[in-house]
Amino acid sequence: MTISPADSTLVAIRKKVRRLTASASESALSTDNIDQYINTYYSQDFPYDIKIDQMRSVYTFFTEPYRDRYPLDVNYNQGVRAPMYVEGIQGNFMKDRQQFYNVWPRYPTLLNQSEGVITTLTGTITGVAKPTNPTSITSVAHGLNTNANIVISGVTGMVQINSSFMITVVDADTFTLNGVDNTAFGAYTGGGTWTSSSVLYQFTLPAPFLSKEVVLGGTISNGNPFSINDDGNGNLILKTPNPVVSVPLATTNPALPGMYNLNTANPGLINPFTVGTVNYVSGVFDFSLNFQLQAGTQLTTWTSQYQTGRPYSLLFWNNEFTIRPVPKYIHKIEVETYLTPCQFLETSDVPILNQWWQLIAIGAAIKVLEDRQDMDGVQNLSVLYDRQESLVLARQGVEELFQPNVQLFNQTSTGYGGVGGIGYY
């Protein structure tokens, strides 16, 4: 006679959920809904309630040259903690920004565009002269719609004009008009005065410098100041409304100056405008403004420059790692995390430990009864839940027998990595 073995698969968990909730049929509780309750408990409740060695893992990532910030998927990794290793050498791991920046202070340097080469596009473009890329131009003799805007975004490519016409840029000096009406083609190729409605600037500063540490400022033609900062990904953002420049750069009901939150776009403002790019390694700034800078304006920038080195300090804050020194090469970084279990995808799937299946079934059943407002049933299952939870945690208790916690007086190793204590290349 064949004896059925213990079953810890999703099929067994479903069966127990039906029994605990008195839902024998699909009409009472569909299998799809059961699976959602199971996966919700297993991926969102269980890992935050249970912390045992079987859920510990080593999170590994590799640095990129001149990049100091690395995001972490916190839905899958939780409880990030020391030790931290760089190429197997232990380093400093921190979660406090004050502690980290006390060790690695940020000292921005005041620079201006005279330290590089600045190129501006101003005035008019006549005939078929090559426009600077990118620019918005307006022709008064286009033969289409009055003041139709033509945006040329590259030497090759297509850009829509209104909704009926397309311009194909063939080369630097010639382009053709494709659309419903080609009668205006001669007007484009024949000349006319095209006035630039945007001003482009490009200059280079000494580099490299840190992302999220770039601030650029100047004065527009009406005498008001303006400021641009980077978003940490190489994009230059025009900050509004501090100060309010002009419509449409600010909303009709801007917040008080200084109250704008760049991260959340509050209170009540449109998202900041991306006006250009910055290269943190080469130091090249390239941006376009829809307003004219005041004559003789001195553009100034605040940037935090650095010297590359072998990393040995790591900060985890705001769901991302910040590493110092900023690396020049590829390095392997390791830290410890607790994993969030993967959801069940197949009926043959089992939890990380087979013994967990009953706790998962009871936890999912409690969620079913909660949605039914059956608080008596929830209370009854809570007794069973506590029993299974204690069995799961008992395993961790056995693992920690005769293993004292590491602290100042019994730690097994001391010292941190680096090259000669400094870590520079």
Protein backbone atom coordinates (compact mmCIF):
# COMPACT_ATOMS: atom_id res chain seq x y z
CA MET A 1 0.00 0.00 0.00
CA THR A 2 1.39 3.36 -1.07
CA ILE A 3 1.59 6.05 1.60
CA SER A 4 1.09 9.65 0.47
CA PRO A 5 4.05 11.85 1.44
CA ALA A 6 3.72 15.24 3.09
CA ASP A 7 2.76 17.89 0.56
CA SER A 8 4.10 21.45 0.82
CA THR A 9 3.22 22.65 -2.68
CA LEU A 10 0.84 25.40 -3.65
CA VAL A 11 -1.84 22.76 -4.17
CA ALA A 12 -1.66 21.78 -0.50
CA ILE A 13 -1.72 25.42 0.62
CA ARG A 14 -4.82 26.09 -1.50
CA LYS A 15 -6.57 23.04 -0.03
CA LYS A 16 -5.89 24.14 3.55
CA VAL A 17 -7.06 27.70 2.85
CA ARG A 18 -10.38 26.33 1.56
CA ARG A 19 -10.80 24.19 4.67
CA LEU A 20 -9.90 26.98 7.10
CA THR A 21 -12.32 29.41 5.44
CA ALA A 22 -15.11 26.88 4.75
CA SER A 23 -14.92 27.66 1.02
CA ALA A 24 -15.26 24.30 -0.67
CA SER A 25 -16.33 25.50 -4.13
CA GLU A 26 -15.12 27.94 -6.78
CA SER A 27 -18.29 29.97 -6.31
CA ALA A 28 -17.49 30.45 -2.63
CA LEU A 29 -13.85 31.35 -3.25
CA SER A 30 -12.16 31.13 -6.64
CA THR A 31 -8.72 29.58 -7.03
CA ASP A 32 -7.41 32.82 -8.56
CA ASN A 33 -8.46 34.75 -5.47
CA ILE A 34 -6.90 32.13 -3.20
CA ASP A 35 -3.61 32.47 -5.08
CA GLN A 36 -3.70 36.25 -4.64
CA TYR A 37 -4.26 35.92 -0.90
CA ILE A 38 -1.44 33.37 -0.65
CA ASN A 39 1.04 35.47 -2.62
CA THR A 40 0.07 38.64 -0.78
CA TYR A 41 0.77 37.04 2.57
CA TYR A 42 3.92 35.23 1.42
CA SER A 43 5.56 38.26 -0.25
CA GLN A 44 4.26 41.16 1.86
CA ASP A 45 3.49 39.89 5.37
CA PHE A 46 5.63 36.83 5.95
CA PRO A 47 9.10 38.33 5.21
CA TYR A 48 8.48 41.27 7.54
CA ASP A 49 7.27 39.01 10.34
CA ILE A 50 9.83 36.23 10.04
CA LYS A 51 13.59 36.83 10.01
CA ILE A 52 15.62 33.66 9.92
CA ASP A 53 18.93 32.62 8.40
CA GLN A 54 17.28 30.99 5.41
CA MET A 55 16.16 34.43 4.24
CA ARG A 56 19.55 36.07 4.61
CA SER A 57 21.51 36.71 1.46
CA VAL A 58 24.52 38.57 0.09
CA TYR A 59 23.56 41.38 -2.24
CA THR A 60 26.24 41.99 -4.87
CA PHE A 61 26.62 44.83 -7.33
CA PHE A 62 29.48 46.11 -9.45
CA THR A 63 30.59 49.71 -9.60
CA GLU A 64 30.87 51.70 -12.79
CA PRO A 65 33.66 54.21 -13.47
CA TYR A 66 32.88 57.68 -12.08
CA ARG A 67 29.47 56.63 -10.73
CA ASP A 68 28.83 56.94 -7.00
CA ARG A 69 25.09 56.10 -6.60
CA TYR A 70 23.44 52.71 -7.08
CA PRO A 71 19.69 52.11 -6.48
CA LEU A 72 18.39 49.04 -4.64
CA ASP A 73 15.14 47.18 -5.29
CA VAL A 74 13.76 47.38 -1.75
CA ASN A 75 10.71 45.32 -2.68
CA TYR A 76 12.98 42.32 -3.02
CA ASN A 77 15.81 43.21 -0.63
CA GLN A 78 15.17 44.38 2.91
CA GLY A 79 17.12 44.82 6.09
CA VAL A 80 20.40 45.89 4.47
CA ARG A 81 23.23 45.61 6.97
CA ALA A 82 26.97 45.20 7.50
CA PRO A 83 29.46 43.79 6.82
CA MET A 84 30.34 45.44 3.51
CA TYR A 85 33.14 44.10 1.34
CA VAL A 86 34.98 45.57 -1.65
CA GLU A 87 36.77 42.85 -3.58
CA GLY A 88 36.62 40.78 -0.39
CA ILE A 89 38.15 43.53 1.78
CA GLN A 90 35.90 44.76 4.59
CA GLY A 91 34.89 48.40 4.47
CA ASN A 92 32.69 50.86 6.33
CA PHE A 93 28.91 50.51 6.07
CA MET A 94 26.70 53.39 7.24
CA LYS A 95 23.02 54.29 7.28
CA ASP A 96 23.38 57.77 8.74
CA ARG A 97 23.97 60.64 6.31
CA GLN A 98 25.53 62.80 9.00
CA GLN A 99 28.06 60.12 9.84
CA PHE A 100 28.86 59.48 6.18
CA TYR A 101 29.30 63.11 5.17
CA ASN A 102 31.34 63.86 8.26
CA VAL A 103 33.84 61.38 6.87
CA TRP A 104 33.29 62.43 3.26
CA PRO A 105 32.37 66.13 3.35
CA ARG A 106 31.05 67.86 0.25
CA TYR A 107 32.89 71.06 -0.59
CA PRO A 108 31.38 72.57 -3.75
CA THR A 109 33.65 74.67 -5.95
CA LEU A 110 32.46 77.95 -7.47
CA LEU A 111 33.23 78.03 -11.20
CA ASN A 112 32.06 80.05 -14.19
CA GLN A 113 31.85 79.55 -17.91
CA SER A 114 34.95 81.66 -18.58
CA GLU A 115 36.95 78.68 -17.40
CA GLY A 116 35.73 76.81 -20.46
CA VAL A 117 34.39 77.72 -23.89
CA ILE A 118 30.81 79.03 -24.16
CA THR A 119 28.83 78.89 -27.39
CA THR A 120 25.51 80.71 -27.72
CA LEU A 121 22.89 80.85 -30.46
CA THR A 122 21.30 84.28 -30.69
CA GLY A 123 19.79 86.57 -33.29
CA THR A 124 18.42 85.16 -36.55
CA ILE A 125 19.07 82.33 -38.95
CA THR A 126 18.77 83.35 -42.60
CA GLY A 127 17.88 81.15 -45.56
CA VAL A 128 18.90 77.53 -45.23
CA ALA A 129 21.79 78.06 -42.85
CA LYS A 130 22.38 75.10 -40.57
CA PRO A 131 20.46 75.51 -37.30
CA THR A 132 22.14 74.56 -34.09
CA ASN A 133 20.84 71.29 -32.66
CA PRO A 134 18.36 71.46 -31.03
CA THR A 135 16.53 74.74 -31.64
CA SER A 136 12.98 75.96 -32.19
CA ILE A 137 12.66 78.32 -35.18
CA THR A 138 9.79 80.36 -36.61
CA SER A 139 9.47 81.41 -40.24
CA VAL A 140 7.20 84.32 -41.20
CA ALA A 141 7.17 83.21 -44.87
CA HIS A 142 6.42 79.54 -44.56
CA GLY A 143 3.09 79.63 -46.39
CA LEU A 144 1.43 77.29 -43.87
CA ASN A 145 -0.04 78.58 -40.66
CA THR A 146 0.98 81.91 -39.22
CA ASN A 147 3.79 81.55 -36.69
CA ALA A 148 3.96 77.77 -37.13
CA ASN A 149 6.77 76.38 -35.04
CA ILE A 150 9.29 74.09 -36.70
CA VAL A 151 11.41 72.03 -34.34
CA ILE A 152 14.56 70.51 -35.79
CA SER A 153 15.93 67.99 -33.36
CA GLY A 154 18.80 66.52 -35.33
CA VAL A 155 20.70 66.32 -38.56
CA THR A 156 18.65 63.27 -39.47
CA GLY A 157 15.18 62.33 -38.34
CA MET A 158 11.60 63.55 -38.53
CA VAL A 159 9.75 66.06 -36.41
CA GLN A 160 6.06 66.86 -36.59
CA ILE A 161 4.84 70.34 -37.47
CA ASN A 162 1.40 70.96 -36.04
CA SER A 163 -0.48 67.77 -36.96
CA SER A 164 -0.31 67.72 -40.79
CA PHE A 165 3.27 68.26 -41.84
CA MET A 166 6.60 66.57 -41.27
CA ILE A 167 10.07 67.90 -41.89
CA THR A 168 12.75 65.41 -42.81
CA VAL A 169 16.21 66.74 -42.15
CA VAL A 170 18.38 65.40 -44.97
CA ASP A 171 21.68 67.00 -44.10
CA ALA A 172 23.10 70.05 -42.42
CA ASP A 173 21.97 72.53 -45.07
CA THR A 174 18.96 70.98 -46.84
CA PHE A 175 15.66 69.59 -45.71
CA THR A 176 12.45 68.60 -47.48
CA LEU A 177 8.85 69.10 -46.51
CA ASN A 178 6.51 66.09 -46.57
CA GLY A 179 2.81 66.46 -45.95
CA VAL A 180 -0.61 67.14 -47.37
CA ASP A 181 0.50 70.40 -48.98
CA ASN A 182 3.99 70.69 -50.49
CA THR A 183 3.47 74.15 -51.96
CA ALA A 184 5.48 75.74 -49.18
CA PHE A 185 8.60 73.73 -49.96
CA GLY A 186 10.07 76.59 -51.98
CA ALA A 187 9.59 79.01 -49.11
CA TYR A 188 11.72 76.84 -46.86
CA THR A 189 14.50 76.29 -49.37
CA GLY A 190 14.32 79.79 -50.81
CA GLY A 191 15.10 81.73 -47.69
CA GLY A 192 13.30 84.11 -45.43
CA THR A 193 14.33 85.11 -41.94
CA TRP A 194 13.97 82.52 -39.22
CA THR A 195 14.16 83.85 -35.70
CA SER A 196 15.35 81.56 -32.97
CA SER A 197 12.88 81.21 -30.11
CA SER A 198 15.39 79.44 -27.91
CA VAL A 199 18.94 80.17 -26.88
CA LEU A 200 21.47 77.38 -26.64
CA TYR A 201 24.53 77.38 -24.42
CA GLN A 202 27.43 75.04 -24.20
CA PHE A 203 30.56 75.26 -22.10
CA THR A 204 33.01 73.00 -20.36
CA LEU A 205 34.23 73.09 -16.78
CA PRO A 206 36.96 71.15 -14.98
CA ALA A 207 35.68 67.67 -14.12
CA PRO A 208 34.83 65.14 -12.82
CA PHE A 209 32.19 66.21 -10.30
CA LEU A 210 29.46 64.48 -8.32
CA SER A 211 25.93 63.98 -9.54
CA LYS A 212 23.19 65.79 -7.61
CA GLU A 213 25.84 68.40 -6.77
CA VAL A 214 25.55 70.68 -9.81
CA VAL A 215 23.91 74.10 -9.49
CA LEU A 216 24.05 76.68 -12.27
CA GLY A 217 22.84 80.24 -12.00
CA GLY A 218 22.57 83.44 -14.02
CA THR A 219 20.37 86.44 -14.77
CA ILE A 220 17.70 86.70 -17.46
CA SER A 221 17.02 89.78 -19.58
CA ASN A 222 14.51 91.29 -17.15
CA GLY A 223 17.08 91.22 -14.37
CA ASN A 224 15.62 88.30 -12.43
CA PRO A 225 17.92 85.46 -11.41
CA PHE A 226 17.40 81.89 -12.51
CA SER A 227 18.85 78.57 -11.37
CA ILE A 228 19.39 75.14 -12.93
CA ASN A 229 20.41 71.98 -11.16
CA ASP A 230 21.07 68.39 -12.22
CA ASP A 231 18.76 65.49 -11.38
CA GLY A 232 21.57 63.02 -10.70
CA ASN A 233 21.17 61.34 -14.09
CA GLY A 234 22.89 63.90 -16.28
CA ASN A 235 19.83 66.08 -16.97
CA LEU A 236 19.73 69.79 -16.22
CA ILE A 237 16.48 70.93 -14.60
CA LEU A 238 15.17 74.49 -14.65
CA LYS A 239 13.81 75.05 -11.18
CA THR A 240 10.47 76.80 -11.02
CA PRO A 241 9.04 78.90 -9.54
CA ASN A 242 12.04 79.99 -7.54
CA PRO A 243 12.02 82.46 -9.09
CA VAL A 244 9.04 82.54 -11.45
CA VAL A 245 10.47 83.30 -14.89
CA SER A 246 7.53 83.39 -17.28
CA VAL A 247 4.59 81.38 -18.53
CA PRO A 248 4.76 78.48 -19.40
CA LEU A 249 7.80 78.01 -17.20
CA ALA A 250 5.62 78.32 -14.13
CA THR A 251 2.01 77.56 -13.37
CA THR A 252 -0.62 80.24 -13.04
CA ASN A 253 -0.70 79.74 -9.26
CA PRO A 254 2.93 79.25 -8.24
CA ALA A 255 3.94 78.51 -4.70
CA LEU A 256 5.92 80.94 -2.65
CA PRO A 257 9.58 81.23 -3.71
CA GLY A 258 11.71 78.70 -1.92
CA MET A 259 8.82 76.37 -1.13
CA TYR A 260 9.15 74.18 -4.21
CA ASN A 261 10.10 70.56 -3.53
CA LEU A 262 12.13 69.26 -6.47
CA ASN A 263 11.64 65.61 -5.48
CA THR A 264 7.85 65.58 -5.15
CA ALA A 265 6.94 68.50 -7.45
CA ASN A 266 4.89 70.05 -4.65
CA PRO A 267 3.04 72.14 -3.81
CA GLY A 268 0.74 72.18 -6.82
CA LEU A 269 3.32 72.72 -9.53
CA ILE A 270 4.06 71.06 -12.83
CA ASN A 271 7.17 68.94 -13.04
CA PRO A 272 10.49 70.76 -13.43
CA PHE A 273 11.62 71.42 -16.99
CA THR A 274 14.52 69.48 -18.44
CA VAL A 275 16.51 72.04 -20.40
CA GLY A 276 19.74 70.20 -21.18
CA THR A 277 22.39 67.76 -20.09
CA VAL A 278 25.62 67.70 -18.15
CA ASN A 279 28.46 65.22 -18.43
CA TYR A 280 29.88 64.60 -14.96
CA VAL A 281 33.13 63.18 -16.35
CA SER A 282 33.97 65.54 -19.23
CA GLY A 283 32.41 68.63 -17.64
CA VAL A 284 30.36 69.58 -20.72
CA PHE A 285 27.18 71.59 -20.10
CA ASP A 286 24.68 71.75 -22.97
CA PHE A 287 21.33 73.42 -22.39
CA SER A 288 18.67 75.53 -24.09
CA LEU A 289 16.62 78.33 -22.56
CA ASN A 290 13.38 79.84 -23.87
CA PHE A 291 14.40 83.23 -22.58
CA GLN A 292 17.30 85.53 -23.28
CA LEU A 293 20.03 85.97 -20.72
CA GLN A 294 20.93 89.49 -19.74
CA ALA A 295 23.81 90.96 -21.72
CA GLY A 296 27.13 90.28 -20.04
CA THR A 297 25.66 87.60 -17.79
CA GLN A 298 28.26 85.54 -15.98
CA LEU A 299 27.00 81.98 -15.63
CA THR A 300 28.24 80.43 -12.40
CA THR A 301 28.19 76.84 -11.23
CA TRP A 302 28.68 75.08 -7.93
CA THR A 303 30.10 71.59 -8.36
CA SER A 304 31.63 69.08 -5.96
CA GLN A 305 34.77 67.73 -7.55
CA TYR A 306 36.51 64.58 -6.36
CA GLN A 307 39.49 62.30 -6.75
CA THR A 308 38.81 58.72 -7.77
CA GLY A 309 39.95 55.86 -5.59
CA ARG A 310 39.29 52.33 -4.42
CA PRO A 311 35.96 52.43 -2.53
CA TYR A 312 35.79 51.44 1.12
CA SER A 313 32.83 53.44 2.49
CA LEU A 314 29.19 52.73 1.67
CA LEU A 315 26.08 54.66 2.66
CA PHE A 316 22.60 53.16 2.32
CA TRP A 317 19.95 55.85 2.44
CA ASN A 318 16.78 56.67 0.50
CA ASN A 319 16.80 53.26 -1.20
CA GLU A 320 20.18 53.70 -2.83
CA PHE A 321 23.86 53.12 -2.10
CA THR A 322 26.37 55.96 -2.18
CA ILE A 323 30.00 54.90 -2.38
CA ARG A 324 33.28 56.65 -1.55
CA PRO A 325 35.82 57.21 -2.90
CA VAL A 326 34.16 57.47 -6.29
CA PRO A 327 35.52 54.52 -8.29
CA LYS A 328 37.49 54.73 -11.48
CA TYR A 329 37.32 51.02 -12.17
CA ILE A 330 34.86 48.15 -11.74
CA HIS A 331 34.70 46.81 -8.18
CA LYS A 332 32.63 44.05 -6.61
CA ILE A 333 30.58 45.30 -3.65
CA GLU A 334 28.89 42.91 -1.21
CA VAL A 335 26.47 43.63 1.64
CA GLU A 336 23.99 41.50 3.57
CA THR A 337 20.24 41.69 3.06
CA TYR A 338 17.10 39.79 3.93
CA LEU A 339 15.28 38.51 0.85
CA THR A 340 11.60 38.82 0.05
CA PRO A 341 10.43 35.35 -1.07
CA CYS A 342 9.38 34.99 -4.69
CA GLN A 343 5.66 34.58 -5.21
CA PHE A 344 4.21 31.21 -6.19
CA LEU A 345 3.88 30.93 -9.97
CA GLU A 346 3.28 27.20 -10.53
CA THR A 347 1.16 24.64 -8.67
CA SER A 348 4.33 22.66 -7.99
CA ASP A 349 6.07 25.59 -6.29
CA VAL A 350 7.05 25.20 -2.64
CA PRO A 351 8.23 27.75 -0.06
CA ILE A 352 11.92 28.14 0.77
CA LEU A 353 11.41 25.73 3.67
CA ASN A 354 8.70 23.07 3.33
CA GLN A 355 7.74 23.59 6.96
CA TRP A 356 6.44 27.07 6.18
CA TRP A 357 3.46 25.89 4.15
CA GLN A 358 1.03 25.65 7.06
CA LEU A 359 1.91 29.12 8.35
CA ILE A 360 1.42 30.50 4.83
CA ALA A 361 -1.97 28.79 4.51
CA ILE A 362 -3.17 30.11 7.86
CA GLY A 363 -1.92 33.62 7.08
CA ALA A 364 -3.72 33.61 3.72
CA ALA A 365 -6.90 32.25 5.32
CA ILE A 366 -6.86 35.06 7.89
CA LYS A 367 -6.75 37.58 5.03
CA VAL A 368 -9.78 35.93 3.44
CA LEU A 369 -11.74 36.15 6.68
CA GLU A 370 -10.67 39.76 7.20
CA ASP A 371 -12.21 40.71 3.87
CA ARG A 372 -15.38 38.90 4.89
CA GLN A 373 -15.47 40.83 8.16
CA ASP A 374 -15.46 37.50 10.04
CA MET A 375 -13.58 38.68 13.10
CA ASP A 376 -14.52 35.60 15.14
CA GLY A 377 -12.95 33.40 12.48
CA VAL A 378 -9.83 35.59 12.48
CA GLN A 379 -9.57 35.23 16.25
CA ASN A 380 -9.87 31.44 16.03
CA LEU A 381 -7.16 31.20 13.37
CA SER A 382 -4.85 33.51 15.32
CA VAL A 383 -4.27 30.73 17.85
CA LEU A 384 -3.19 28.37 15.07
CA TYR A 385 -1.07 31.11 13.51
CA ASP A 386 0.83 31.79 16.73
CA ARG A 387 1.59 28.07 17.10
CA GLN A 388 2.99 27.75 13.57
CA GLU A 389 4.92 31.01 13.88
CA SER A 390 6.64 29.77 17.03
CA LEU A 391 7.65 26.56 15.22
CA VAL A 392 9.16 28.56 12.35
CA LEU A 393 11.09 30.82 14.71
CA ALA A 394 12.23 27.88 16.85
CA ARG A 395 14.50 26.81 14.01
CA GLN A 396 16.33 30.14 14.21
CA GLY A 397 16.68 29.69 17.96
CA VAL A 398 18.44 26.38 17.41
CA GLU A 399 20.75 28.01 14.83
CA GLU A 400 21.85 30.62 17.36
CA LEU A 401 22.56 28.26 20.27
CA PHE A 402 26.09 28.74 21.63
CA GLN A 403 26.72 31.60 19.19
CA PRO A 404 27.02 34.86 21.13
CA ASN A 405 26.16 38.09 19.39
CA VAL A 406 29.15 39.96 17.98
CA GLN A 407 29.87 43.07 19.99
CA LEU A 408 32.81 45.21 21.10
CA PHE A 409 34.29 42.66 23.47
CA ASN A 410 34.03 39.50 21.35
CA GLN A 411 34.18 40.56 17.70
CA THR A 412 36.18 38.24 15.52
CA SER A 413 37.92 40.84 13.35
CA THR A 414 38.72 44.51 13.25
CA GLY A 415 39.99 47.01 10.72
CA TYR A 416 38.69 48.16 7.40
CA GLY A 417 39.84 47.97 3.84
CA GLY A 418 41.58 50.39 1.60
CA VAL A 419 44.98 50.84 0.11
CA GLY A 420 47.27 52.10 2.83
CA GLY A 421 44.21 53.32 4.73
CA ILE A 422 43.46 55.86 2.02
CA GLY A 423 42.12 53.95 -0.96
CA TYR A 424 43.18 56.27 -3.77
CA TYR A 425 44.47 54.83 -7.02
